[in-house]
Amino acid sequence: MLIRHFRIADMLVHIGKIINTKMLGKYALPAFNTQDLETTQGIVRAAEKQKAPVIIQTSEGALEYAGIEELAGIIKTEAREARVPIALHQDHCKDFSLIKKLIALGYSSVMIDASHLSYKENVKLTKAVVSYCHKRGVWVQAEIGRLLGSEDWQKVKKGSDLMTDPDEAAKFVAETRVDTLAVAVGSLHGIPVNPKVKKILKTLKEHIDLERLQAIRKKVKIPLVLHGASGVSDQEMRSAIKYGVAIFNIDTDLRVAFSKALRENLKNHMSIYDPRKLLAPATDALQAIAEKKIRLLKANNKINH
């Protein structure tokens, strides 16, 4: 498959430049979500401080909030001026037409999320996206199984039925030719706010089914992706790396750090009205968490790997 070539001085790189089979079992990269300038700057500064390649990704909600071209423009500008390799990826996307727009804007990786459909329909849509993307040198991520979270509260009691089946995962990869595969092995999406959701999810101890993950790894050789990594313990994240998880999606931890610091700053400095001074400590707090995650994944000092 074709991979686009970038200028040597341009640190906005194709995801294929920083994700490869050689890293499997040794280290992983964080895929940090962003929705604004401050979050993007915090992520880039963290990557530079730790000398780590990272993936910056957007969600459909973030693009709706900030504007497609506006948010992509912020990320590309920050990445091109960065001293470390940064790849641009679209997280959970159900809209094929949006994927086409993002590719035109320079995304080197996209996720088509058809996990809510039947296996047959998931394969059909994913294959169409892969065909389109590979002709343009773009990687495709898909999901088999269903990651639990607030959107699945009514199904949580049957959570094991939603997890990725190793045999089905192998079949899916062979049929679709995706480049990376998101697997559901026990992590959860976000922080639920609905009281009923909280009550149900509280009965579940969020953890990674390492036995299931190991079984998937034996049958699937492409890099695996773990979504909902913010709630996973450090020990389990390290163990997941050993079983072929190459990318960990991290969003909630960044939001929590940013929000806590912002609230504290507002509380302690009621007289400040300059948004830049109010937001700066929040960006610093987010950067600190991002650096911690980079070190946890052993991605620091990997810019030449």
Foldseek 3Di string as FASTA:
>chain_A
DDADDDDPLFLAGAVVVPDDLVCFLPFAAEAEEDQDLLLLVLLLVLCQVLVFEHEYEYEPVSCVVQPVLRVLVSNRVSRRNGPFHYAYEYPEDQDLVVVVVVVVSPHQEYEHEPQVPDLVVQLVVLQVSCVVNVVVNHAYEYEHFDAAEPVCLVCVVVRVVRWHQLVSLLVSCVSRVGQEYETHFFAHDDDDDPPSSCVSCVVDDGEGPLVRLLSNLVRDSHAYEYENCPRYDLVRLSSSSNSRHHYYYDYRVLVVQLVVQLVVLCVVCVPDDDVVVSRVRSSNSSSVVSNVVCVSRVRGPVRPD
